[in-house]
Amino acid sequence: MLLVSAMAVALLTLLGAAAEDAGLDRMLEANTVTRRTHSLFNQGLYFYGALPMMKDH
């Protein structure tokens, strides 16, 4: 069970890093901030929940 949890955390962190590389993290930040405001894990959680509503492109 611990292994499954560790793999889920790793995959959500990777999803957050991929979203940040694609520039999708800009919609989570205030427009006056230039540094990361949410951890990669929290960004991964947000974008995992938003996957069904995202456009294909």
N, C-alpha and C. Protein backbone atom coordinates (compact mmCIF):
# COMPACT_ATOMS: atom_id res chain seq x y z
N MET A 1 0.82 -1.19 0.00
CA MET A 1 0.00 0.00 0.00
C MET A 1 0.87 1.26 0.00
N LEU A 2 1.95 1.21 0.72
CA LEU A 2 2.87 2.35 0.77
C LEU A 2 3.52 2.58 -0.59
N LEU A 3 3.80 1.50 -1.30
CA LEU A 3 4.39 1.63 -2.63
C LEU A 3 3.42 2.31 -3.60
N VAL A 4 2.15 1.95 -3.52
CA VAL A 4 1.14 2.57 -4.39
C VAL A 4 1.02 4.05 -4.08
N SER A 5 1.05 4.40 -2.81
CA SER A 5 0.98 5.80 -2.41
C SER A 5 2.20 6.58 -2.91
N ALA A 6 3.37 6.00 -2.78
CA ALA A 6 4.58 6.66 -3.24
C ALA A 6 4.57 6.85 -4.75
N MET A 7 4.06 5.86 -5.48
CA MET A 7 3.97 5.99 -6.94
C MET A 7 2.97 7.07 -7.34
N ALA A 8 1.86 7.18 -6.61
CA ALA A 8 0.86 8.20 -6.91
C ALA A 8 1.42 9.59 -6.67
N VAL A 9 2.17 9.77 -5.58
CA VAL A 9 2.78 11.07 -5.30
C VAL A 9 3.79 11.43 -6.39
N ALA A 10 4.59 10.44 -6.81
CA ALA A 10 5.58 10.69 -7.85
C ALA A 10 4.91 11.07 -9.18
N LEU A 11 3.84 10.37 -9.54
CA LEU A 11 3.16 10.67 -10.80
C LEU A 11 2.47 12.03 -10.78
N LEU A 12 1.88 12.39 -9.64
CA LEU A 12 1.25 13.71 -9.55
C LEU A 12 2.29 14.82 -9.58
N THR A 13 3.45 14.58 -8.99
CA THR A 13 4.54 15.56 -9.05
C THR A 13 5.04 15.71 -10.48
N LEU A 14 5.17 14.60 -11.20
CA LEU A 14 5.59 14.66 -12.61
C LEU A 14 4.56 15.38 -13.46
N LEU A 15 3.28 15.17 -13.19
CA LEU A 15 2.23 15.88 -13.92
C LEU A 15 2.32 17.38 -13.65
N GLY A 16 2.57 17.75 -12.41
CA GLY A 16 2.74 19.17 -12.08
C GLY A 16 3.94 19.78 -12.77
N ALA A 17 5.04 19.02 -12.85
CA ALA A 17 6.24 19.52 -13.53
C ALA A 17 5.99 19.66 -15.03
N ALA A 18 5.27 18.71 -15.61
CA ALA A 18 4.96 18.78 -17.05
C ALA A 18 4.05 19.97 -17.34
N ALA A 19 3.09 20.22 -16.48
CA ALA A 19 2.20 21.36 -16.67
C ALA A 19 2.97 22.67 -16.53
N GLU A 20 3.93 22.70 -15.61
CA GLU A 20 4.73 23.91 -15.45
C GLU A 20 5.61 24.14 -16.67
N ASP A 21 6.17 23.08 -17.23
CA ASP A 21 6.98 23.22 -18.45
C ASP A 21 6.14 23.69 -19.64
N ALA A 22 4.87 23.27 -19.67
CA ALA A 22 3.99 23.68 -20.75
C ALA A 22 3.43 25.09 -20.56
N GLY A 23 3.66 25.66 -19.38
CA GLY A 23 3.19 27.02 -19.13
C GLY A 23 1.78 27.09 -18.57
N LEU A 24 1.22 25.95 -18.20
CA LEU A 24 -0.14 25.95 -17.67
C LEU A 24 -0.21 26.45 -16.24
N ASP A 25 0.92 26.55 -15.56
CA ASP A 25 0.91 27.01 -14.18
C ASP A 25 0.59 28.49 -14.06
N ARG A 26 0.61 29.22 -15.17
CA ARG A 26 0.33 30.66 -15.13
C ARG A 26 -1.10 30.96 -14.70
N MET A 27 -2.03 30.02 -14.93
CA MET A 27 -3.41 30.29 -14.51
C MET A 27 -3.61 30.03 -13.02
N LEU A 28 -2.63 29.48 -12.33
CA LEU A 28 -2.73 29.26 -10.89
C LEU A 28 -2.08 30.37 -10.09
N GLU A 29 -1.31 31.22 -10.73
CA GLU A 29 -0.55 32.25 -10.04
C GLU A 29 -1.22 33.62 -10.18
N ALA A 30 -0.91 34.48 -9.26
CA ALA A 30 -1.32 35.87 -9.42
C ALA A 30 -0.43 36.50 -10.49
N ASN A 31 -0.90 37.53 -11.14
CA ASN A 31 -0.14 38.10 -12.24
C ASN A 31 1.07 38.91 -11.77
N THR A 32 1.19 39.17 -10.48
CA THR A 32 2.32 39.95 -9.98
C THR A 32 3.45 39.09 -9.43
N VAL A 33 3.26 37.77 -9.44
CA VAL A 33 4.24 36.86 -8.85
C VAL A 33 5.05 36.21 -9.95
N THR A 34 6.37 36.17 -9.78
CA THR A 34 7.23 35.55 -10.79
C THR A 34 7.77 34.21 -10.35
N ARG A 35 7.58 33.84 -9.09
CA ARG A 35 8.09 32.55 -8.61
C ARG A 35 6.93 31.57 -8.44
N ARG A 36 7.24 30.32 -8.18
CA ARG A 36 6.22 29.29 -8.01
C ARG A 36 5.45 29.53 -6.72
N THR A 37 4.13 29.53 -6.80
CA THR A 37 3.31 29.75 -5.62
C THR A 37 2.71 28.45 -5.09
N HIS A 38 2.61 27.45 -5.93
CA HIS A 38 2.08 26.14 -5.52
C HIS A 38 3.15 25.09 -5.79
N SER A 39 3.20 24.07 -4.93
CA SER A 39 4.17 23.00 -5.14
C SER A 39 3.80 22.21 -6.40
N LEU A 40 4.76 21.47 -6.91
CA LEU A 40 4.49 20.66 -8.10
C LEU A 40 3.43 19.60 -7.81
N PHE A 41 3.43 19.08 -6.59
CA PHE A 41 2.42 18.10 -6.20
C PHE A 41 1.02 18.72 -6.24
N ASN A 42 0.86 19.91 -5.67
CA ASN A 42 -0.45 20.57 -5.68
C ASN A 42 -0.88 20.95 -7.09
N GLN A 43 0.06 21.33 -7.94
CA GLN A 43 -0.27 21.61 -9.33
C GLN A 43 -0.72 20.33 -10.02
N GLY A 44 -0.05 19.22 -9.73
CA GLY A 44 -0.45 17.93 -10.30
C GLY A 44 -1.85 17.53 -9.88
N LEU A 45 -2.18 17.76 -8.61
CA LEU A 45 -3.54 17.46 -8.13
C LEU A 45 -4.57 18.30 -8.87
N TYR A 46 -4.27 19.58 -9.05
CA TYR A 46 -5.21 20.47 -9.74
C TYR A 46 -5.42 20.03 -11.18
N PHE A 47 -4.33 19.77 -11.89
CA PHE A 47 -4.45 19.42 -13.31
C PHE A 47 -4.99 18.01 -13.51
N TYR A 48 -4.76 17.11 -12.56
CA TYR A 48 -5.37 15.78 -12.65
C TYR A 48 -6.89 15.89 -12.53
N GLY A 49 -7.36 16.73 -11.65
CA GLY A 49 -8.79 16.94 -11.51
C GLY A 49 -9.40 17.67 -12.70
N ALA A 50 -8.59 18.46 -13.39
CA ALA A 50 -9.08 19.23 -14.53
C ALA A 50 -8.95 18.49 -15.85
N LEU A 51 -8.32 17.33 -15.87
CA LEU A 51 -8.11 16.60 -17.13
C LEU A 51 -9.40 16.30 -17.91
N PRO A 52 -10.48 15.86 -17.28
CA PRO A 52 -11.68 15.56 -18.07
C PRO A 52 -12.27 16.78 -18.78
N MET A 53 -12.02 17.98 -18.28
CA MET A 53 -12.63 19.17 -18.88
C MET A 53 -11.68 19.90 -19.83
N MET A 54 -10.43 19.43 -19.96
CA MET A 54 -9.47 20.11 -20.82
C MET A 54 -9.72 19.83 -22.28
N LYS A 55 -9.36 20.78 -23.11
CA LYS A 55 -9.49 20.61 -24.55
C LYS A 55 -8.38 19.69 -25.05
N ASP A 56 -8.58 19.08 -26.22
CA ASP A 56 -7.62 18.12 -26.76
C ASP A 56 -6.32 18.76 -27.19
N HIS A 57 -6.34 19.98 -27.66
CA HIS A 57 -5.11 20.58 -28.15
C HIS A 57 -4.28 20.98 -26.97
